[in-house]
Each structure stands twice: as C-alpha cells, then as structure tokens.
C-alpha cells in the first residue's frame, strides 16, 4: 500500500511487452507509456534492445515504488514520530528536569537573528547536580565573524553571568521548551503547509502556519501574529536530536535544538 496525502491506495506494477502500468485503487494510470513503436513494427533483430529498455523500465518502476511509496513521508507517520519525541522535552519547566529524559547529559542550542547578527546560545549538561555550563556569542551574519563571546552557567533555576551586562545579548533569558507544549494531538490540529522526508539521509520536516499566544509572547510579538513553525528531526541520528525553527515575513528567525 502507498500513502498518498491522507488516504491509502493499493498499487500494483504490471508489465507486458508494450509497457509498464501503475494501478491505483479506484483507477488505472499509465506511468510509462508503451515505449518505442518501432519495437512493434520491427521485432526481429531488436530483441537485445527491447530487453535493455525493458530492464530500464523495471528499474524505474522499482525506484518509483521505493521513493514515491514511502510511508514515512505520510503526515500521520511524521507527526507521530516528531510529536512523540518532542513531547519528551516540550514542556520541561526547569533545565535540570531534562536529566529525567537524558540521564547521561544533554545539549541545548538556541539561535536568533538580531539585525545583521546572529546570537548563539549553547548549554552543555554532563552530570545531574552540577552547574550547566553555557556560552553566548554574537556573529556577523554575512562574514561569520565572531563579535562577542561570554560564558555563563545555569544552576538552581537561575542563569548566572560573571558580568551581568553580558546578559543583555540574550533577551529571552530562557528556552521555548520551558513554556511550550508539543505532542502528536496538537500537531494534527495545526495548519500544515509542507512536509518532507529524505530517503537519502532520513531527515524529515513538518512546517506549519501557526498563531500561538505562548510562542508570540516568548518572542515578544503580538498575540495575533502569524508564524511559520518548522519541526525537524532525522532517522540518521542514533540518539535524540530535534529542532524547532520559527520565522515570519518580517525577517524573524529563531531556532532551538535539544540533543542528548
């Protein structure tokens, strides 16, 4: 069976001496037309050529079935996969609570656009009870030149900077997963704009059009502002690695990644 959109279709590939046909449930559609009228007109002396073309069509049909009939590109599959995994983190009230999901440690990355610059925030947690060490840096977007970098730490629910003025580079002073709830049921009700799954590397993405008061409040936007929200993951990662990317028409960019 092949998932197409929200419905399931049976597909059968049939072969005769004139062509390859793709049958969908409820209808029959010619995938590859009867090839080479010359084969019909002059079959003698062209058996080898016919076989080569036949083999090429068979391989084409196999590739189509492999890439076009992949259930992992179905919305239901992707939302189940992404929603189930991201619900482990979204929401998590305090950073140290992530050790319940990742007892061996975790990494958190956040990046956002600030005019011509990109601000990067990264925290690494290695052992429960120890301070979570973080860095914040400011990078020029075009040249990738690092303009500023400072260290800080998180402990007992507080972000601590050696120089409090450095905290001004991080207006959010926290992470979206501390506020936002994501799961399969919530995703199924959103306005899906685009979905993708790569057979080559196992990467997948769901992009929604969203108006969400929690997200808008966190980003300092109006309650009614509409955003493009992408959720990204990959089957190629053996551990946990999921991202949320938020953009809008005015040039906003915000990204957050949690990994183990």
Protein backbone atom coordinates (compact mmCIF):
# COMPACT_ATOMS: atom_id res chain seq x y z
CA UNK A 1 0.00 0.00 0.00
CA UNK A 2 1.09 3.55 -0.70
CA UNK A 3 0.26 6.57 1.48
CA UNK A 4 -0.83 9.48 -0.68
CA UNK A 5 -1.87 12.51 1.36
CA UNK A 6 -4.34 11.34 3.98
CA UNK A 7 -5.65 8.25 2.16
CA UNK A 8 -4.24 4.82 1.45
CA UNK A 9 -4.07 3.39 -2.04
CA UNK A 10 -3.10 -0.04 -3.27
CA UNK A 11 -0.53 -0.02 -6.02
CA UNK A 12 0.36 -2.77 -8.46
CA UNK A 13 3.04 -2.61 -11.10
CA UNK A 14 2.20 -4.74 -14.15
CA UNK A 15 4.32 -5.42 -17.16
CA UNK A 16 3.54 -6.52 -20.69
CA UNK A 17 5.59 -6.44 -23.86
CA UNK A 18 4.46 -2.91 -24.69
CA UNK A 19 4.70 -1.05 -21.44
CA UNK A 20 4.65 -0.77 -17.66
CA UNK A 21 1.43 0.25 -15.93
CA UNK A 22 0.84 1.63 -12.44
CA UNK A 23 -2.56 0.74 -10.97
CA UNK A 24 -4.04 2.89 -8.19
CA UNK A 25 -7.01 1.86 -6.11
CA UNK A 26 -10.08 3.01 -7.98
CA UNK A 27 -8.28 4.00 -11.15
CA UNK A 28 -5.57 2.94 -13.56
CA UNK A 29 -2.98 5.38 -14.70
CA UNK A 30 -0.29 4.82 -17.26
CA UNK A 31 3.09 5.58 -15.68
CA UNK A 32 5.34 4.73 -18.56
CA UNK A 33 3.67 4.75 -21.95
CA UNK A 34 4.02 1.97 -24.47
CA UNK A 35 7.53 2.55 -25.45
CA UNK A 36 9.11 2.55 -28.88
CA UNK A 37 6.56 1.94 -31.59
CA UNK A 38 9.48 0.63 -33.55
CA UNK A 39 9.53 -2.44 -31.35
CA UNK A 40 6.02 -3.27 -32.51
CA UNK A 41 6.84 -2.58 -36.15
CA UNK A 42 10.06 -4.48 -36.28
CA UNK A 43 10.58 -7.03 -33.56
CA UNK A 44 13.12 -9.03 -35.49
CA UNK A 45 16.74 -8.29 -34.76
CA UNK A 46 15.91 -5.96 -31.89
CA UNK A 47 15.42 -8.37 -29.02
CA UNK A 48 18.52 -7.14 -27.19
CA UNK A 49 17.45 -3.53 -27.47
CA UNK A 50 13.97 -4.44 -26.29
CA UNK A 51 15.41 -6.25 -23.24
CA UNK A 52 17.57 -3.28 -22.31
CA UNK A 53 14.61 -0.94 -22.47
CA UNK A 54 12.51 -3.42 -20.55
CA UNK A 55 15.10 -3.72 -17.78
CA UNK A 56 15.40 0.08 -17.59
CA UNK A 57 11.65 0.42 -17.18
CA UNK A 58 11.58 -2.25 -14.50
CA UNK A 59 14.32 -0.46 -12.56
CA UNK A 60 12.47 2.82 -12.99
CA UNK A 61 9.35 1.24 -11.56
CA UNK A 62 11.29 -0.15 -8.60
CA UNK A 63 12.83 3.25 -7.90
CA UNK A 64 9.42 4.89 -8.09
CA UNK A 65 7.99 2.44 -5.60
CA UNK A 66 10.98 2.90 -3.31
CA UNK A 67 10.91 6.69 -3.31
CA UNK A 68 7.30 7.52 -4.13
CA UNK A 69 5.56 4.93 -1.97
CA UNK A 70 7.37 5.56 1.27
CA UNK A 71 5.02 5.53 4.29
CA UNK A 72 7.47 7.68 6.24
CA UNK A 73 6.54 10.69 4.11
CA UNK A 74 2.96 10.46 5.33
CA UNK A 75 1.74 13.24 7.62
CA UNK A 76 0.38 10.83 10.22
CA UNK A 77 3.69 8.97 10.47
CA UNK A 78 5.76 12.15 10.71
CA UNK A 79 3.50 13.75 13.32
CA UNK A 80 3.52 10.59 15.40
CA UNK A 81 7.32 10.41 15.24
CA UNK A 82 8.02 14.10 15.83
CA UNK A 83 5.17 14.69 18.24
CA UNK A 84 6.03 11.69 20.43
CA UNK A 85 9.72 12.57 20.64
CA UNK A 86 9.34 16.32 21.12
CA UNK A 87 6.72 15.81 23.84
CA UNK A 88 9.56 14.39 25.96
CA UNK A 89 11.01 17.91 26.12
CA UNK A 90 8.13 20.30 25.33
CA UNK A 91 7.31 21.28 28.01
CA UNK A 92 10.07 20.97 30.62
CA UNK A 93 9.76 23.56 33.37
CA UNK A 94 13.38 23.56 34.54
CA UNK A 95 16.52 22.62 32.63
CA UNK A 96 17.68 20.14 35.28
CA UNK A 97 14.47 18.17 34.76
CA UNK A 98 15.81 17.12 31.35
CA UNK A 99 18.03 14.62 33.18
CA UNK A 100 14.88 12.54 33.63
CA UNK A 101 14.86 12.05 29.86
CA UNK A 102 18.62 12.17 29.28
CA UNK A 103 20.42 10.82 32.37
CA UNK A 104 23.80 10.83 30.61
CA UNK A 105 23.58 14.52 29.76
CA UNK A 106 22.23 16.78 27.06
CA UNK A 107 22.91 19.84 24.90
CA UNK A 108 20.67 22.82 24.22
CA UNK A 109 21.22 25.27 21.39
CA UNK A 110 19.33 28.43 20.61
CA UNK A 111 19.98 30.92 17.83
CA UNK A 112 18.15 34.00 16.68
CA UNK A 113 18.61 36.95 14.36
CA UNK A 114 19.49 40.34 15.81
CA UNK A 115 19.68 42.76 12.89
CA UNK A 116 22.77 41.91 10.87
CA UNK A 117 23.93 39.48 13.54
CA UNK A 118 23.09 36.00 14.79
CA UNK A 119 23.14 35.28 18.52
CA UNK A 120 24.09 31.74 19.51
CA UNK A 121 23.38 30.31 22.95
CA UNK A 122 24.60 26.84 23.89
CA UNK A 123 24.44 24.90 27.15
CA UNK A 124 26.03 21.53 27.92
CA UNK A 125 24.86 19.41 30.85
CA UNK A 126 27.05 16.47 31.80
CA UNK A 127 26.07 15.39 35.31
CA UNK A 128 22.96 15.87 37.41
CA UNK A 129 23.58 18.27 40.30
CA UNK A 130 26.49 20.04 38.61
CA UNK A 131 26.15 23.52 37.08
CA UNK A 132 25.12 23.52 33.43
CA UNK A 133 27.80 25.40 31.51
CA UNK A 134 26.80 27.81 28.76
CA UNK A 135 28.28 30.13 26.15
CA UNK A 136 26.72 33.05 24.30
CA UNK A 137 28.22 34.54 21.14
CA UNK A 138 27.37 37.22 18.60
CA UNK A 139 28.31 36.53 14.97
CA UNK A 140 28.12 38.81 11.95
CA UNK A 141 25.69 37.10 9.61
CA UNK A 142 27.47 37.64 6.28
CA UNK A 143 31.14 37.42 7.24
CA UNK A 144 30.58 34.86 10.06
CA UNK A 145 32.99 36.92 12.15
CA UNK A 146 32.54 36.44 15.89
CA UNK A 147 31.98 39.83 17.52
CA UNK A 148 31.40 38.75 21.11
CA UNK A 149 31.54 35.66 23.31
CA UNK A 150 30.96 35.10 27.02
CA UNK A 151 30.48 32.18 29.40
CA UNK A 152 27.70 31.70 31.93
CA UNK A 153 26.14 28.89 33.92
CA UNK A 154 22.75 27.64 34.97
CA UNK A 155 22.11 26.32 38.46
CA UNK A 156 19.12 26.15 40.79
CA UNK A 157 16.81 27.62 38.19
CA UNK A 158 18.97 30.70 37.52
CA UNK A 159 21.21 31.85 34.68
CA UNK A 160 24.36 33.36 36.17
CA UNK A 161 26.71 35.66 34.22
CA UNK A 162 30.10 36.79 35.51
CA UNK A 163 29.31 40.19 34.01
CA UNK A 164 25.61 40.93 34.14
CA UNK A 165 25.87 43.26 31.15
CA UNK A 166 26.56 40.18 29.01
CA UNK A 167 23.01 39.01 29.69
CA UNK A 168 21.74 41.87 27.53
CA UNK A 169 22.74 39.87 24.45
CA UNK A 170 20.14 37.26 25.41
CA UNK A 171 16.75 38.98 25.68
CA UNK A 172 14.81 35.70 26.01
CA UNK A 173 16.81 34.59 29.05
CA UNK A 174 15.38 31.09 28.71
CA UNK A 175 14.13 28.47 26.28
CA UNK A 176 10.88 27.97 24.45
CA UNK A 177 10.56 24.38 25.67
CA UNK A 178 10.14 25.73 29.21
CA UNK A 179 6.82 27.24 28.09
CA UNK A 180 5.50 25.40 25.05
CA UNK A 181 3.67 22.06 24.85
CA UNK A 182 4.08 19.91 21.72
CA UNK A 183 2.66 16.48 21.04
CA UNK A 184 1.05 14.41 18.32
CA UNK A 185 -2.50 15.55 19.02
CA UNK A 186 -1.57 19.23 18.96
CA UNK A 187 0.33 18.86 15.68
CA UNK A 188 -2.58 17.06 13.99
CA UNK A 189 -4.77 20.13 14.53
CA UNK A 190 -2.33 22.67 13.08
CA UNK A 191 -2.37 24.13 9.59
CA UNK A 192 0.24 22.02 7.80
CA UNK A 193 1.98 23.92 4.98
CA UNK A 194 4.67 21.48 3.93
CA UNK A 195 6.12 18.09 4.85
CA UNK A 196 9.24 16.33 3.64
CA UNK A 197 11.16 13.11 4.19
CA UNK A 198 14.53 12.33 2.62
CA UNK A 199 15.19 8.73 1.60
CA UNK A 200 18.86 9.63 1.24
CA UNK A 201 19.66 10.65 4.83
CA UNK A 202 16.45 10.10 6.81
CA UNK A 203 15.89 13.81 7.51
CA UNK A 204 12.28 14.89 7.96
CA UNK A 205 10.47 18.18 8.47
CA UNK A 206 6.98 19.46 9.11
CA UNK A 207 6.20 23.15 8.50
CA UNK A 208 3.05 24.77 9.89
CA UNK A 209 1.35 28.14 9.76
CA UNK A 210 0.78 28.98 13.41
CA UNK A 211 -0.70 31.70 15.56
CA UNK A 212 0.17 30.75 19.13
CA UNK A 213 -0.01 33.06 22.14
CA UNK A 214 2.74 31.23 24.04
CA UNK A 215 5.21 31.41 21.15
CA UNK A 216 4.31 35.01 20.35
CA UNK A 217 4.64 36.07 23.98
CA UNK A 218 8.02 34.36 24.31
CA UNK A 219 9.31 36.10 21.17
CA UNK A 220 7.82 39.46 22.12
CA UNK A 221 5.29 39.53 19.26
CA UNK A 222 1.64 40.47 19.07
CA UNK A 223 -0.89 37.80 20.04
CA UNK A 224 -2.34 37.63 16.52
CA UNK A 225 0.96 37.47 14.61
CA UNK A 226 1.17 34.51 12.22
CA UNK A 227 4.38 32.48 12.13
CA UNK A 228 5.99 29.72 10.10
CA UNK A 229 6.97 26.95 12.53
CA UNK A 230 9.14 24.04 11.34
CA UNK A 231 9.84 20.89 13.35
CA UNK A 232 12.90 18.99 12.20
CA UNK A 233 14.40 15.60 13.02
CA UNK A 234 16.27 12.72 11.42
CA UNK A 235 16.25 8.93 11.40
CA UNK A 236 20.02 9.04 10.88
CA UNK A 237 20.59 10.17 14.47
CA UNK A 238 21.02 7.29 16.87
CA UNK A 239 20.18 9.48 19.82
CA UNK A 240 17.81 12.38 20.36
CA UNK A 241 18.12 15.43 18.10
CA UNK A 242 15.10 17.62 17.36
CA UNK A 243 14.76 21.27 16.39
CA UNK A 244 12.09 23.93 16.15
CA UNK A 245 12.61 26.82 13.72
CA UNK A 246 10.35 29.88 13.71
CA UNK A 247 10.22 32.55 11.00
CA UNK A 248 7.91 35.23 9.70
CA UNK A 249 7.57 37.52 6.69
CA UNK A 250 9.30 40.40 8.51
CA UNK A 251 12.62 38.51 8.73
CA UNK A 252 12.30 36.94 12.17
CA UNK A 253 14.43 33.87 12.72
CA UNK A 254 14.53 31.76 15.88
CA UNK A 255 15.83 28.22 16.29
CA UNK A 256 16.09 25.84 19.22
CA UNK A 257 17.63 22.35 19.32
CA UNK A 258 17.80 19.75 22.09
CA UNK A 259 20.04 16.70 21.76
CA UNK A 260 21.46 14.03 24.01
